[in-house]
C-alpha atoms as a PDB file:
ATOM      1  CA  MET A   1      -0.035  -0.245  -0.069  1.00  0.00           C
ATOM      2  CA  LYS A   2       3.049   2.458   0.718  1.00  0.00           C
ATOM      3  CA  GLU A   3       4.468   1.751  -2.277  1.00  0.00           C
ATOM      4  CA  ASN A   4       1.483   2.428  -4.590  1.00  0.00           C
ATOM      5  CA  ARG A   5       0.975   5.703  -2.288  1.00  0.00           C
ATOM      6  CA  ARG A   6       4.968   6.759  -3.203  1.00  0.00           C
ATOM      7  CA  ASN A   7       4.266   5.436  -6.856  1.00  0.00           C
ATOM      8  CA  LEU A   8       0.840   7.925  -7.226  1.00  0.00           C
ATOM      9  CA  LEU A   9       3.119  10.565  -5.488  1.00  0.00           C
ATOM     10  CA  LYS A  10       5.930  10.601  -8.308  1.00  0.00           C
ATOM     11  CA  ARG A  11       3.486  10.057 -10.751  1.00  0.00           C
ATOM     12  CA  THR A  12       1.680  13.071  -9.459  1.00  0.00           C
ATOM     13  CA  ALA A  13       4.813  15.489  -9.005  1.00  0.00           C
ATOM     14  CA  THR A  14       5.640  14.374 -12.280  1.00  0.00           C
ATOM     15  CA  LEU A  15       2.429  15.209 -14.417  1.00  0.00           C
ATOM     16  CA  VAL A  16       2.570  18.342 -12.051  1.00  0.00           C
ATOM     17  CA  ALA A  17       6.053  19.197 -13.449  1.00  0.00           C
ATOM     18  CA  ALA A  18       4.788  18.650 -17.067  1.00  0.00           C
ATOM     19  CA  SER A  19       2.299  20.962 -16.464  1.00  0.00           C
ATOM     20  CA  THR A  20       3.686  23.984 -15.325  1.00  0.00           C
ATOM     21  CA  VAL A  21       6.133  23.175 -18.545  1.00  0.00           C
ATOM     22  CA  VAL A  22       3.660  23.220 -21.038  1.00  0.00           C
ATOM     23  CA  ALA A  23       1.760  26.426 -19.135  1.00  0.00           C
ATOM     24  CA  THR A  24       5.065  28.036 -19.432  1.00  0.00           C
ATOM     25  CA  GLY A  25       5.763  27.276 -23.216  1.00  0.00           C
ATOM     26  CA  THR A  26       2.115  28.287 -24.141  1.00  0.00           C
ATOM     27  CA  ALA A  27       2.533  31.614 -22.205  1.00  0.00           C
ATOM     28  CA  VAL A  28       6.275  32.316 -23.895  1.00  0.00           C
ATOM     29  CA  ALA A  29       3.999  30.945 -27.364  1.00  0.00           C
ATOM     30  CA  LYS A  30       1.365  33.523 -26.635  1.00  0.00           C
ATOM     31  CA  GLU A  31       3.818  36.633 -25.853  1.00  0.00           C
ATOM     32  CA  LYS A  32       5.832  35.873 -29.374  1.00  0.00           C
ATOM     33  CA  THR A  33       2.313  36.522 -31.139  1.00  0.00           C
ATOM     34  CA  LYS A  34       1.277  39.671 -30.011  1.00  0.00           C
ATOM     35  CA  LYS A  35       1.349  42.655 -32.483  1.00  0.00           C
ATOM     36  CA  LYS A  36       4.387  45.053 -32.046  1.00  0.00           C
ATOM     37  CA  VAL A  37       5.032  47.832 -33.281  1.00  0.00           C
ATOM     38  CA  HIS A  38       8.236  48.588 -34.720  1.00  0.00           C
ATOM     39  CA  TYR A  39       9.823  52.727 -33.870  1.00  0.00           C
ATOM     40  CA  THR A  40      12.571  53.421 -35.705  1.00  0.00           C
ATOM     41  CA  GLY A  41      13.154  56.325 -33.281  1.00  0.00           C
ATOM     42  CA  ASN A  42      11.048  57.791 -30.383  1.00  0.00           C
ATOM     43  CA  LYS A  43       7.461  56.375 -30.433  1.00  0.00           C
ATOM     44  CA  PRO A  44       4.902  59.225 -31.130  1.00  0.00           C
ATOM     45  CA  GLU A  45       3.092  61.518 -29.061  1.00  0.00           C
ATOM     46  CA  LYS A  46       0.124  61.148 -30.910  1.00  0.00           C
ATOM     47  CA  THR A  47      -1.222  58.656 -32.582  1.00  0.00           C
ATOM     48  CA  PRO A  48       0.518  58.426 -36.360  1.00  0.00           C
ATOM     49  CA  LEU A  49      -2.233  57.101 -39.349  1.00  0.00           C
ATOM     50  CA  PHE A  50      -0.409  54.128 -39.864  1.00  0.00           C
ATOM     51  CA  SER A  51       2.732  52.427 -38.551  1.00  0.00           C
ATOM     52  CA  GLY A  52       5.917  51.662 -40.872  1.00  0.00           C
ATOM     53  CA  ALA A  53       6.417  48.165 -39.336  1.00  0.00           C
ATOM     54  CA  VAL A  54       4.410  46.065 -37.305  1.00  0.00           C
ATOM     55  CA  SER A  55       5.306  42.124 -36.101  1.00  0.00           C
ATOM     56  CA  TYR A  56       3.229  39.371 -35.120  1.00  0.00           C
ATOM     57  CA  GLY A  57       4.573  36.224 -34.178  1.00  0.00           C
ATOM     58  CA  ASN A  58       7.855  36.018 -36.776  1.00  0.00           C
ATOM     59  CA  LEU A  59       6.357  37.897 -39.493  1.00  0.00           C
ATOM     60  CA  LEU A  60       7.002  41.096 -40.242  1.00  0.00           C
ATOM     61  CA  PHE A  61       4.912  43.832 -42.073  1.00  0.00           C
ATOM     62  CA  ILE A  62       6.365  47.167 -43.405  1.00  0.00           C
ATOM     63  CA  ALA A  63       4.049  49.962 -44.917  1.00  0.00           C
ATOM     64  CA  GLY A  64       4.838  51.287 -48.543  1.00  0.00           C
ATOM     65  CA  LYS A  65       7.680  53.721 -48.877  1.00  0.00           C
ATOM     66  CA  GLY A  66       8.195  56.704 -51.022  1.00  0.00           C
ATOM     67  CA  ALA A  67      10.517  59.082 -52.450  1.00  0.00           C
ATOM     68  CA  HIS A  68       9.101  62.701 -51.918  1.00  0.00           C
ATOM     69  CA  PHE A  69      11.972  64.870 -53.516  1.00  0.00           C
ATOM     70  CA  PRO A  70      13.037  65.439 -56.953  1.00  0.00           C
ATOM     71  CA  GLY A  71      14.432  62.976 -58.999  1.00  0.00           C
ATOM     72  CA  ASP A  72      14.180  60.070 -61.365  1.00  0.00           C
ATOM     73  CA  ILE A  73      12.784  56.485 -61.046  1.00  0.00           C
ATOM     74  CA  ALA A  74      16.851  55.329 -60.118  1.00  0.00           C
ATOM     75  CA  ALA A  75      17.044  57.582 -57.452  1.00  0.00           C
ATOM     76  CA  HIS A  76      13.460  57.158 -55.810  1.00  0.00           C
ATOM     77  CA  THR A  77      13.831  53.451 -56.548  1.00  0.00           C
ATOM     78  CA  LYS A  78      17.091  53.335 -54.494  1.00  0.00           C
ATOM     79  CA  HIS A  79      16.072  55.794 -51.809  1.00  0.00           C
ATOM     80  CA  VAL A  80      13.046  53.125 -51.014  1.00  0.00           C
ATOM     81  CA  LEU A  81      14.866  50.376 -51.043  1.00  0.00           C
ATOM     82  CA  ASP A  82      17.263  51.854 -48.487  1.00  0.00           C
ATOM     83  CA  GLU A  83      14.386  52.617 -46.193  1.00  0.00           C
ATOM     84  CA  ILE A  84      13.019  49.097 -46.352  1.00  0.00           C
ATOM     85  CA  GLU A  85      16.202  48.145 -45.528  1.00  0.00           C
ATOM     86  CA  LYS A  86      16.365  50.349 -42.379  1.00  0.00           C
ATOM     87  CA  GLU A  87      13.092  49.082 -41.135  1.00  0.00           C
ATOM     88  CA  LEU A  88      13.703  45.717 -41.787  1.00  0.00           C
ATOM     89  CA  THR A  89      17.009  45.662 -39.974  1.00  0.00           C
ATOM     90  CA  ASN A  90      15.580  47.727 -37.047  1.00  0.00           C
ATOM     91  CA  ALA A  91      12.732  44.976 -36.348  1.00  0.00           C
ATOM     92  CA  GLY A  92      15.243  42.260 -36.164  1.00  0.00           C
ATOM     93  CA  SER A  93      15.104  40.945 -40.030  1.00  0.00           C
ATOM     94  CA  SER A  94      17.168  41.904 -43.487  1.00  0.00           C
ATOM     95  CA  MET A  95      16.362  42.351 -47.106  1.00  0.00           C
ATOM     96  CA  ASP A  96      17.184  38.329 -47.307  1.00  0.00           C
ATOM     97  CA  LYS A  97      14.348  37.318 -45.462  1.00  0.00           C
ATOM     98  CA  VAL A  98      11.610  39.365 -47.348  1.00  0.00           C
ATOM     99  CA  LEU A  99       8.971  36.907 -48.403  1.00  0.00           C
ATOM    100  CA  LYS A 100       6.216  39.539 -50.520  1.00  0.00           C
ATOM    101  CA  VAL A 101       6.841  42.664 -52.189  1.00  0.00           C
ATOM    102  CA  ASN A 102       4.726  45.292 -53.703  1.00  0.00           C
ATOM    103  CA  VAL A 103       5.930  47.719 -56.020  1.00  0.00           C
ATOM    104  CA  TYR A 104       3.603  50.329 -56.840  1.00  0.00           C
ATOM    105  CA  LEU A 105       4.743  52.704 -60.202  1.00  0.00           C
ATOM    106  CA  ASN A 106       3.253  56.345 -60.878  1.00  0.00           C
ATOM    107  CA  ASP A 107       4.301  55.596 -64.513  1.00  0.00           C
ATOM    108  CA  ILE A 108       4.491  51.524 -65.929  1.00  0.00           C
ATOM    109  CA  LYS A 109       6.841  53.104 -68.295  1.00  0.00           C
ATOM    110  CA  ASP A 110       9.672  53.361 -64.873  1.00  0.00           C
ATOM    111  CA  TYR A 111       9.146  49.468 -64.950  1.00  0.00           C
ATOM    112  CA  ALA A 112      12.443  48.934 -66.397  1.00  0.00           C
ATOM    113  CA  GLY A 113      14.517  51.336 -64.759  1.00  0.00           C
ATOM    114  CA  MET A 114      12.696  50.529 -61.171  1.00  0.00           C
ATOM    115  CA  ASN A 115      14.066  46.996 -62.360  1.00  0.00           C
ATOM    116  CA  GLU A 116      17.701  48.160 -62.921  1.00  0.00           C
ATOM    117  CA  VAL A 117      17.982  49.605 -59.318  1.00  0.00           C
ATOM    118  CA  TYR A 118      15.761  46.626 -57.681  1.00  0.00           C
ATOM    119  CA  GLN A 119      18.170  44.022 -59.356  1.00  0.00           C
ATOM    120  CA  GLY A 120      19.805  41.711 -56.850  1.00  0.00           C
ATOM    121  CA  ARG A 121      18.618  44.069 -53.719  1.00  0.00           C
ATOM    122  CA  PHE A 122      17.044  40.983 -51.944  1.00  0.00           C
ATOM    123  CA  GLY A 123      19.634  38.574 -52.064  1.00  0.00           C
ATOM    124  CA  SER A 124      20.204  35.221 -54.918  1.00  0.00           C
ATOM    125  CA  GLU A 125      16.694  34.284 -53.800  1.00  0.00           C
ATOM    126  CA  PRO A 126      14.419  37.044 -54.341  1.00  0.00           C
ATOM    127  CA  PRO A 127      10.955  37.133 -52.878  1.00  0.00           C
ATOM    128  CA  VAL A 128       7.250  36.748 -55.004  1.00  0.00           C
ATOM    129  CA  ARG A 129       6.468  40.591 -56.312  1.00  0.00           C
ATOM    130  CA  THR A 130       3.679  42.356 -57.930  1.00  0.00           C
ATOM    131  CA  THR A 131       3.887  45.678 -59.743  1.00  0.00           C
ATOM    132  CA  ILE A 132       1.423  47.400 -60.671  1.00  0.00           C
ATOM    133  CA  ALA A 133       0.686  51.273 -62.020  1.00  0.00           C
ATOM    134  CA  PRO A 134      -2.290  52.087 -60.266  1.00  0.00           C
ATOM    135  CA  MET A 135      -4.561  54.607 -62.564  1.00  0.00           C
ATOM    136  CA  GLY A 136      -4.560  57.341 -60.063  1.00  0.00           C
ATOM    137  CA  GLY A 137      -0.272  57.147 -59.512  1.00  0.00           C
ATOM    138  CA  VAL A 138       1.316  56.629 -56.615  1.00  0.00           C
ATOM    139  CA  PRO A 139       0.431  59.502 -53.284  1.00  0.00           C
ATOM    140  CA  GLY A 140       2.401  62.607 -53.513  1.00  0.00           C
ATOM    141  CA  ASN A 141       5.400  63.097 -55.661  1.00  0.00           C
ATOM    142  CA  SER A 142       7.147  59.297 -55.539  1.00  0.00           C
ATOM    143  CA  LEU A 143       7.521  58.115 -58.479  1.00  0.00           C
ATOM    144  CA  VAL A 144       7.243  54.235 -57.495  1.00  0.00           C
ATOM    145  CA  GLU A 145       6.160  53.119 -53.494  1.00  0.00           C
ATOM    146  CA  ILE A 146       7.302  49.541 -52.199  1.00  0.00           C
ATOM    147  CA  ASP A 147       5.902  47.682 -49.425  1.00  0.00           C
ATOM    148  CA  CYS A 148       6.512  44.147 -48.563  1.00  0.00           C
ATOM    149  CA  ILE A 149       6.129  41.105 -45.542  1.00  0.00           C
ATOM    150  CA  ALA A 150       9.126  39.594 -43.986  1.00  0.00           C
ATOM    151  CA  TYR A 151      10.145  37.205 -41.258  1.00  0.00           C
ATOM    152  CA  ILE A 152      12.162  37.577 -38.430  1.00  0.00           C
END
């Protein structure tokens, strides 16, 4: 009888320990799947219109970046890709970890010029990509806007 109680107590202790590990793992998993906004500077005092970079779990979403200065498609594309790279690095990712890119051109005639600068920026295994030239153009005076999804 004493032997059965000891075995029962041992098994109960083992189950309690195992359930604690599972509960802790679940809490950590829930923490990792929280929405997190990544700021490149201080958090704004006033709520912005949108966030520049947001992660959920190990997925990272970068808002569309434009180039709002005088210049040609090459200068605008380089600036936008540099800004995306800064956002990715700030959030713990990189250009090599980008999974999906959306490119919006103000004029489809700039497609070849944009591609010249874009080529190779995402490593030897580039992400999937969609490129469009919306009828209304790109907001502001940018010739190109790019957003992306990456992993951390």
